[in-house]
Amino acid sequence: MDANVAHGFFISPDPVKAFTSDKLLWGSMAATENLERVVHAAIGKVDAWLKNRP
């Protein structure tokens, strides 16, 4: 992946939407509500795991 593309995800007003809209990464799943929902859920699980670490 091009470094500028990756950086663009993080400076976007909505990084998850930018990430999940990338057709090179996601192909036909790109920019779908389902993919965005699943990625948000995964982020929530990681955040919960980090919060509960000893």
N, C-alpha and C. Protein backbone atom coordinates (compact mmCIF):
# COMPACT_ATOMS: atom_id res chain seq x y z
N MET A 1 0.84 -1.17 0.00
CA MET A 1 0.00 0.00 0.00
C MET A 1 0.89 1.24 0.00
N ASP A 2 0.45 2.21 -0.73
CA ASP A 2 1.14 3.48 -0.78
C ASP A 2 1.05 4.18 0.57
N ALA A 3 2.16 4.68 1.06
CA ALA A 3 2.20 5.33 2.38
C ALA A 3 1.27 6.53 2.44
N ASN A 4 1.15 7.28 1.36
CA ASN A 4 0.27 8.45 1.36
C ASN A 4 -1.19 8.05 1.48
N VAL A 5 -1.56 6.93 0.87
CA VAL A 5 -2.93 6.43 0.99
C VAL A 5 -3.21 6.05 2.44
N ALA A 6 -2.29 5.30 3.05
CA ALA A 6 -2.45 4.89 4.45
C ALA A 6 -2.54 6.11 5.36
N HIS A 7 -1.68 7.08 5.15
CA HIS A 7 -1.70 8.30 5.96
C HIS A 7 -3.04 9.02 5.78
N GLY A 8 -3.56 9.00 4.57
CA GLY A 8 -4.84 9.66 4.30
C GLY A 8 -5.99 9.10 5.12
N PHE A 9 -5.94 7.81 5.43
CA PHE A 9 -6.98 7.23 6.28
C PHE A 9 -7.03 7.94 7.63
N PHE A 10 -5.87 8.20 8.20
CA PHE A 10 -5.80 8.74 9.55
C PHE A 10 -6.08 10.23 9.62
N ILE A 11 -5.87 10.94 8.54
CA ILE A 11 -6.15 12.38 8.57
C ILE A 11 -7.56 12.69 8.06
N SER A 12 -8.26 11.67 7.63
CA SER A 12 -9.63 11.84 7.15
C SER A 12 -10.55 12.21 8.32
N PRO A 13 -11.59 13.00 8.06
CA PRO A 13 -12.56 13.29 9.13
C PRO A 13 -13.22 12.02 9.67
N ASP A 14 -13.33 10.98 8.84
CA ASP A 14 -13.91 9.70 9.25
C ASP A 14 -12.96 8.59 8.79
N PRO A 15 -11.94 8.28 9.62
CA PRO A 15 -10.92 7.30 9.21
C PRO A 15 -11.48 5.92 8.87
N VAL A 16 -12.49 5.47 9.60
CA VAL A 16 -13.04 4.14 9.32
C VAL A 16 -13.72 4.14 7.95
N LYS A 17 -14.48 5.17 7.65
CA LYS A 17 -15.13 5.25 6.35
C LYS A 17 -14.09 5.32 5.24
N ALA A 18 -13.04 6.08 5.44
CA ALA A 18 -11.98 6.18 4.43
C ALA A 18 -11.32 4.81 4.23
N PHE A 19 -11.01 4.12 5.32
CA PHE A 19 -10.38 2.81 5.25
C PHE A 19 -11.26 1.79 4.56
N THR A 20 -12.53 1.76 4.95
CA THR A 20 -13.44 0.76 4.39
C THR A 20 -13.92 1.10 2.98
N SER A 21 -13.61 2.29 2.50
CA SER A 21 -13.98 2.69 1.15
C SER A 21 -12.89 2.38 0.12
N ASP A 22 -11.75 1.91 0.58
CA ASP A 22 -10.63 1.66 -0.32
C ASP A 22 -10.89 0.39 -1.16
N LYS A 23 -11.10 0.57 -2.45
CA LYS A 23 -11.40 -0.57 -3.33
C LYS A 23 -10.22 -1.50 -3.51
N LEU A 24 -8.99 -0.99 -3.40
CA LEU A 24 -7.82 -1.85 -3.52
C LEU A 24 -7.77 -2.86 -2.37
N LEU A 25 -8.13 -2.43 -1.17
CA LEU A 25 -8.14 -3.32 -0.01
C LEU A 25 -9.36 -4.24 0.03
N TRP A 26 -10.52 -3.70 -0.29
CA TRP A 26 -11.76 -4.40 -0.01
C TRP A 26 -12.52 -4.87 -1.23
N GLY A 27 -12.11 -4.48 -2.41
CA GLY A 27 -12.79 -4.92 -3.63
C GLY A 27 -14.28 -4.59 -3.60
N SER A 28 -15.11 -5.56 -3.90
CA SER A 28 -16.55 -5.32 -3.98
C SER A 28 -17.19 -5.02 -2.63
N MET A 29 -16.49 -5.29 -1.54
CA MET A 29 -17.03 -4.98 -0.21
C MET A 29 -16.81 -3.52 0.17
N ALA A 30 -15.94 -2.82 -0.58
CA ALA A 30 -15.59 -1.44 -0.25
C ALA A 30 -16.83 -0.56 -0.22
N ALA A 31 -16.83 0.35 0.73
CA ALA A 31 -17.87 1.37 0.87
C ALA A 31 -19.25 0.80 1.17
N THR A 32 -19.30 -0.39 1.76
CA THR A 32 -20.60 -0.95 2.14
C THR A 32 -20.83 -0.71 3.64
N GLU A 33 -22.08 -0.53 3.98
CA GLU A 33 -22.44 -0.32 5.39
C GLU A 33 -22.04 -1.52 6.24
N ASN A 34 -22.19 -2.70 5.69
CA ASN A 34 -21.87 -3.92 6.43
C ASN A 34 -20.39 -3.96 6.82
N LEU A 35 -19.52 -3.66 5.87
CA LEU A 35 -18.08 -3.66 6.17
C LEU A 35 -17.75 -2.61 7.22
N GLU A 36 -18.31 -1.43 7.07
CA GLU A 36 -18.05 -0.36 8.04
C GLU A 36 -18.53 -0.77 9.44
N ARG A 37 -19.70 -1.41 9.51
CA ARG A 37 -20.24 -1.85 10.81
C ARG A 37 -19.34 -2.90 11.45
N VAL A 38 -18.85 -3.85 10.65
CA VAL A 38 -17.99 -4.91 11.17
C VAL A 38 -16.66 -4.34 11.66
N VAL A 39 -16.10 -3.39 10.92
CA VAL A 39 -14.84 -2.78 11.34
C VAL A 39 -15.04 -1.99 12.63
N HIS A 40 -16.14 -1.25 12.74
CA HIS A 40 -16.43 -0.53 13.99
C HIS A 40 -16.56 -1.51 15.16
N ALA A 41 -17.22 -2.65 14.93
CA ALA A 41 -17.37 -3.66 15.98
C ALA A 41 -16.02 -4.22 16.40
N ALA A 42 -15.15 -4.46 15.43
CA ALA A 42 -13.81 -4.98 15.75
C ALA A 42 -13.02 -3.96 16.56
N ILE A 43 -13.12 -2.69 16.20
CA ILE A 43 -12.44 -1.64 16.96
C ILE A 43 -12.96 -1.61 18.39
N GLY A 44 -14.27 -1.77 18.56
CA GLY A 44 -14.86 -1.81 19.90
C GLY A 44 -14.32 -2.97 20.72
N LYS A 45 -14.15 -4.12 20.10
CA LYS A 45 -13.60 -5.28 20.82
C LYS A 45 -12.15 -5.04 21.24
N VAL A 46 -11.38 -4.46 20.36
CA VAL A 46 -9.98 -4.16 20.70
C VAL A 46 -9.93 -3.12 21.81
N ASP A 47 -10.76 -2.08 21.73
CA ASP A 47 -10.79 -1.06 22.79
C ASP A 47 -11.17 -1.67 24.13
N ALA A 48 -12.16 -2.58 24.14
CA ALA A 48 -12.56 -3.24 25.39
C ALA A 48 -11.43 -4.11 25.93
N TRP A 49 -10.76 -4.83 25.05
CA TRP A 49 -9.65 -5.66 25.47
C TRP A 49 -8.53 -4.81 26.07
N LEU A 50 -8.22 -3.71 25.43
CA LEU A 50 -7.16 -2.82 25.95
C LEU A 50 -7.55 -2.23 27.30
N LYS A 51 -8.82 -1.87 27.45
CA LYS A 51 -9.29 -1.29 28.70
C LYS A 51 -9.19 -2.28 29.86
N ASN A 52 -9.40 -3.56 29.58
CA ASN A 52 -9.42 -4.57 30.64
C ASN A 52 -8.10 -5.28 30.86
N ARG A 53 -7.07 -4.83 30.20
CA ARG A 53 -5.75 -5.45 30.41
C ARG A 53 -5.23 -5.12 31.81
N PRO A 54 -4.52 -6.08 32.42
CA PRO A 54 -3.96 -5.79 33.75
C PRO A 54 -2.85 -4.77 33.69
